[in-house]
Amino acid sequence: MTLHVDAAGDRFVVTVRGELDLDSGPLLQQTLNKALDRATDGIELDFAAVDFCDCSALNVLLDVRGRARLAGKQVILRVTSRAVQRLLTLTGTLPLFTEGRPGVDGVTEGHPGVDGHPASAAPAARPHPSAEPVEPSRDSLATENAQLHRAMQTRAPIDLARGMLMASFRLTPEQAWHVLVTTSQHSNTKLHRIADALLQSADGRAPLPAPLAGHLAAAVQTHAGPAGQTSHATTRRA
């Protein structure tokens, strides 16, 4: 992962390239915190060149977003890649990083932008925000606080579920993340619900529902290497 920080009026634009995972988390956290502390208005994120992003990166983003909220600043997603868009969409945290903007510039590789408009080849120039920003309403603040609280609550079970998959099937962190994402997409189930179901099955509170177990087994077979491949029956017992 490489990072670059540029001043843009009262904000800093942080451009990130490469993979956002557990190993890159400390550097990402340190860079974003420093940029946030130096900025008067907040920071904008350029994730167009991020080709992998998992829940450990989401933990960093949510932590920085919480710090910004307390300081009366913003953390805005300026442009994103498919990997980042998918993570934020599946975890329901996308609005936390896009509200207050006319729309994100888009995703790379010609995919539709998160606001439904075609992606730009590069971030379009925008006028700098007014020196006197409009204060958010009480309702919008309550909604944003609720979204942030819900995101902070759901990230821990997702991390635990990924760890459980890594231990059960000898997966790498990246493989376990792909298993969760693939299961979520094929079963049309939110990531945190899959995580809750896995954790409940692990401590014997409830068996893993058969349809979900089938999707999980298929995802493990797809993403696990030779050392991590197991039978569907073993997956269901997980």
Protein backbone atom coordinates (compact mmCIF):
# COMPACT_ATOMS: atom_id res chain seq x y z
CA MET A 1 0.00 0.00 0.00
CA THR A 2 1.14 3.53 -0.78
CA LEU A 3 -0.41 6.77 0.46
CA HIS A 4 -0.17 10.36 -0.71
CA VAL A 5 -1.59 13.41 1.08
CA ASP A 6 -2.38 16.66 -0.75
CA ALA A 7 -3.76 19.92 0.62
CA ALA A 8 -7.03 21.10 -0.94
CA GLY A 9 -8.15 24.31 0.73
CA ASP A 10 -9.42 23.53 4.21
CA ARG A 11 -9.24 19.79 3.52
CA PHE A 12 -6.62 17.18 2.75
CA VAL A 13 -7.05 14.58 0.02
CA VAL A 14 -5.59 11.19 0.95
CA THR A 15 -4.89 8.99 -2.08
CA VAL A 16 -4.41 5.30 -1.36
CA ARG A 17 -3.13 2.62 -3.74
CA GLY A 18 -2.81 -1.13 -3.25
CA GLU A 19 -4.40 -3.41 -0.65
CA LEU A 20 -6.13 -2.35 2.55
CA ASP A 21 -5.87 -5.21 5.03
CA LEU A 22 -4.70 -6.05 8.54
CA ASP A 23 -1.04 -5.42 7.70
CA SER A 24 -1.62 -1.98 6.18
CA GLY A 25 -4.11 -0.90 8.87
CA PRO A 26 -1.65 0.84 11.27
CA LEU A 27 -0.11 2.97 8.51
CA LEU A 28 -3.54 3.88 7.15
CA GLN A 29 -4.77 4.82 10.64
CA GLN A 30 -1.71 6.95 11.35
CA THR A 31 -1.89 8.77 8.01
CA LEU A 32 -5.61 9.50 8.20
CA ASN A 33 -5.39 10.67 11.83
CA LYS A 34 -2.55 13.08 11.02
CA ALA A 35 -4.36 14.46 7.97
CA LEU A 36 -7.57 14.87 9.97
CA ASP A 37 -5.79 16.71 12.78
CA ARG A 38 -4.14 19.11 10.33
CA ALA A 39 -7.27 19.80 8.26
CA THR A 40 -9.69 22.54 9.21
CA ASP A 41 -12.72 21.03 7.47
CA GLY A 42 -11.87 17.33 7.16
CA ILE A 43 -10.39 14.86 4.69
CA GLU A 44 -11.38 13.37 1.34
CA LEU A 45 -10.45 9.82 0.35
CA ASP A 46 -9.35 8.76 -3.11
CA PHE A 47 -9.60 4.95 -3.18
CA ALA A 48 -9.77 4.52 -6.96
CA ALA A 49 -6.58 2.42 -6.98
CA VAL A 50 -7.46 0.19 -4.00
CA ASP A 51 -7.79 -3.35 -5.34
CA PHE A 52 -8.54 -5.13 -2.04
CA CYS A 53 -10.29 -3.90 1.10
CA ASP A 54 -11.45 -5.94 4.08
CA CYS A 55 -13.07 -5.38 7.46
CA SER A 56 -9.84 -4.42 9.18
CA ALA A 57 -9.69 -1.39 6.87
CA LEU A 58 -13.34 -0.66 7.66
CA ASN A 59 -12.43 -0.61 11.35
CA VAL A 60 -9.86 2.11 10.62
CA LEU A 61 -12.30 4.13 8.53
CA LEU A 62 -15.01 3.96 11.19
CA ASP A 63 -12.58 4.97 13.92
CA VAL A 64 -11.36 7.97 11.92
CA ARG A 65 -14.97 8.84 11.04
CA GLY A 66 -15.83 8.83 14.74
CA ARG A 67 -12.91 11.11 15.57
CA ALA A 68 -13.92 13.47 12.78
CA ARG A 69 -17.49 13.54 14.03
CA LEU A 70 -16.39 14.59 17.51
CA ALA A 71 -14.20 17.34 16.02
CA GLY A 72 -16.96 18.67 13.76
CA LYS A 73 -15.11 17.58 10.62
CA GLN A 74 -15.91 15.31 7.66
CA VAL A 75 -14.45 12.16 6.16
CA ILE A 76 -15.70 12.02 2.57
CA LEU A 77 -15.24 9.28 -0.02
CA ARG A 78 -14.25 11.23 -3.13
CA VAL A 79 -13.70 8.37 -5.58
CA THR A 80 -13.70 4.63 -5.01
CA SER A 81 -12.94 1.24 -6.51
CA ARG A 82 -15.23 -1.76 -6.79
CA ALA A 83 -13.55 -3.42 -3.79
CA VAL A 84 -14.18 -0.49 -1.44
CA GLN A 85 -17.69 0.14 -2.76
CA ARG A 86 -18.60 -3.51 -2.19
CA LEU A 87 -17.32 -3.47 1.38
CA LEU A 88 -19.18 -0.30 2.34
CA THR A 89 -22.36 -1.41 0.58
CA LEU A 90 -22.44 -4.87 2.16
CA THR A 91 -21.84 -3.46 5.64
CA GLY A 92 -24.35 -0.61 5.22
CA THR A 93 -21.72 2.04 5.95
CA LEU A 94 -21.57 3.75 2.55
CA PRO A 95 -23.84 6.68 3.60
CA LEU A 96 -21.42 7.57 6.40
CA PHE A 97 -18.79 8.51 3.82
CA THR A 98 -20.94 9.94 1.02
CA GLU A 99 -23.61 12.06 2.73
CA GLY A 100 -23.28 15.78 2.24
CA ARG A 101 -21.79 15.35 -1.25
CA PRO A 102 -23.52 15.57 -4.63
CA GLY A 103 -22.21 12.03 -5.30
CA VAL A 104 -18.98 10.12 -5.46
CA ASP A 105 -17.05 10.50 -8.70
CA GLY A 106 -17.43 6.80 -9.39
CA VAL A 107 -15.61 3.51 -9.39
CA THR A 108 -12.73 2.45 -11.57
CA GLU A 109 -12.75 0.10 -14.54
CA GLY A 110 -15.85 1.72 -16.01
CA HIS A 111 -18.26 0.39 -13.40
CA PRO A 112 -21.24 2.52 -12.35
CA GLY A 113 -20.57 5.06 -9.64
CA VAL A 114 -22.07 4.60 -6.20
CA ASP A 115 -24.52 7.38 -6.97
CA GLY A 116 -25.73 5.54 -10.06
CA HIS A 117 -23.89 7.73 -12.56
CA PRO A 118 -21.12 6.53 -14.88
CA ALA A 119 -17.66 6.50 -13.40
CA SER A 120 -15.20 9.23 -14.24
CA ALA A 121 -11.75 8.37 -15.53
CA ALA A 122 -10.38 10.72 -12.88
CA PRO A 123 -11.88 12.79 -10.07
CA ALA A 124 -13.62 15.81 -11.53
CA ALA A 125 -12.61 19.20 -10.21
CA ARG A 126 -15.09 20.66 -7.77
CA PRO A 127 -15.41 24.10 -6.30
CA HIS A 128 -14.10 24.30 -2.79
CA PRO A 129 -16.86 24.18 -0.15
CA SER A 130 -18.04 27.50 1.18
CA ALA A 131 -16.13 28.93 4.12
CA GLU A 132 -19.44 28.92 5.99
CA PRO A 133 -20.85 25.38 5.63
CA VAL A 134 -24.50 24.79 6.29
CA GLU A 135 -25.07 23.27 9.71
CA PRO A 136 -26.64 19.81 9.56
CA SER A 137 -30.14 19.45 10.92
CA ARG A 138 -30.90 17.64 14.16
CA ASP A 139 -32.57 14.82 12.22
CA SER A 140 -29.56 14.34 9.94
CA LEU A 141 -27.21 14.27 12.92
CA ALA A 142 -29.37 11.67 14.64
CA THR A 143 -29.42 9.54 11.49
CA GLU A 144 -25.67 9.77 11.06
CA ASN A 145 -25.04 8.91 14.71
CA ALA A 146 -27.32 5.89 14.42
CA GLN A 147 -25.53 4.70 11.27
CA LEU A 148 -22.13 5.06 12.90
CA HIS A 149 -23.29 3.26 16.05
CA ARG A 150 -24.75 0.39 14.03
CA ALA A 151 -21.57 0.10 11.97
CA MET A 152 -19.41 -0.03 15.10
CA GLN A 153 -21.64 -2.77 16.54
CA THR A 154 -21.54 -4.98 13.44
CA ARG A 155 -17.82 -4.82 12.67
CA ALA A 156 -16.76 -6.98 15.67
CA PRO A 157 -18.93 -10.02 14.78
CA ILE A 158 -17.70 -9.86 11.18
CA ASP A 159 -14.08 -9.92 12.37
CA LEU A 160 -14.83 -12.84 14.71
CA ALA A 161 -16.59 -14.77 11.95
CA ARG A 162 -13.66 -14.28 9.62
CA GLY A 163 -11.29 -15.52 12.31
CA MET A 164 -13.48 -18.58 12.81
CA LEU A 165 -13.36 -19.38 9.09
CA MET A 166 -9.58 -18.95 9.08
CA ALA A 167 -9.18 -21.40 11.98
CA SER A 168 -11.76 -23.92 10.72
CA PHE A 169 -10.61 -24.13 7.10
CA ARG A 170 -7.00 -22.91 7.32
CA LEU A 171 -7.79 -19.85 5.22
CA THR A 172 -5.76 -16.70 4.86
CA PRO A 173 -7.40 -13.45 6.01
CA GLU A 174 -8.05 -12.53 2.37
CA GLN A 175 -9.57 -15.94 1.57
CA ALA A 176 -11.84 -15.80 4.62
CA TRP A 177 -13.00 -12.32 3.62
CA HIS A 178 -13.81 -13.48 0.10
CA VAL A 179 -15.75 -16.44 1.51
CA LEU A 180 -17.93 -14.08 3.57
CA VAL A 181 -18.47 -11.66 0.68
CA THR A 182 -19.32 -14.44 -1.80
CA THR A 183 -21.73 -16.04 0.67
CA SER A 184 -23.37 -12.67 1.24
CA GLN A 185 -23.81 -12.02 -2.47
CA HIS A 186 -25.11 -15.49 -3.37
CA SER A 187 -27.47 -15.76 -0.40
CA ASN A 188 -28.58 -12.09 -0.51
CA THR A 189 -27.76 -11.82 3.20
CA LYS A 190 -26.02 -8.94 4.96
CA LEU A 191 -22.51 -9.65 6.17
CA HIS A 192 -23.32 -9.05 9.82
CA ARG A 193 -26.23 -11.51 9.66
CA ILE A 194 -23.96 -14.19 8.24
CA ALA A 195 -21.44 -13.44 10.98
CA ASP A 196 -24.12 -13.71 13.68
CA ALA A 197 -25.33 -17.04 12.27
CA LEU A 198 -21.79 -18.44 12.21
CA LEU A 199 -21.09 -17.35 15.77
CA GLN A 200 -24.38 -18.79 17.03
CA SER A 201 -23.63 -22.11 15.36
CA ALA A 202 -20.14 -22.15 16.85
CA ASP A 203 -21.35 -21.87 20.45
CA GLY A 204 -24.30 -24.22 19.93
CA ARG A 205 -27.08 -21.65 20.21
CA ALA A 206 -28.54 -22.41 16.78
CA PRO A 207 -27.56 -24.54 13.78
CA LEU A 208 -26.48 -22.79 10.62
CA PRO A 209 -29.52 -22.59 8.29
CA ALA A 210 -29.23 -25.15 5.48
CA PRO A 211 -29.43 -22.64 2.56
CA LEU A 212 -26.78 -20.44 4.15
CA ALA A 213 -24.59 -23.47 4.91
CA GLY A 214 -24.78 -24.52 1.27
CA HIS A 215 -23.70 -21.09 0.03
CA LEU A 216 -20.90 -21.01 2.61
CA ALA A 217 -19.67 -24.46 1.59
CA ALA A 218 -19.58 -23.45 -2.06
CA ALA A 219 -17.70 -20.25 -1.20
CA VAL A 220 -15.10 -22.19 0.81
CA GLN A 221 -14.60 -24.59 -2.09
CA THR A 222 -14.17 -21.63 -4.45
CA HIS A 223 -11.75 -19.55 -2.43
CA ALA A 224 -9.79 -22.02 -0.27
CA GLY A 225 -6.44 -23.33 -1.40
CA PRO A 226 -5.58 -27.04 -1.30
CA ALA A 227 -4.82 -26.88 2.42
CA GLY A 228 -8.12 -25.26 3.25
CA GLN A 229 -10.53 -27.29 1.13
CA THR A 230 -12.98 -29.38 3.13
CA SER A 231 -16.19 -31.29 2.61
CA HIS A 232 -19.59 -29.64 2.58
CA ALA A 233 -20.56 -31.67 5.61
CA THR A 234 -17.68 -30.19 7.61
CA THR A 235 -18.67 -26.70 6.46
CA ARG A 236 -22.20 -27.20 7.70
CA ARG A 237 -20.94 -28.22 11.11
CA ALA A 238 -19.01 -24.95 11.26
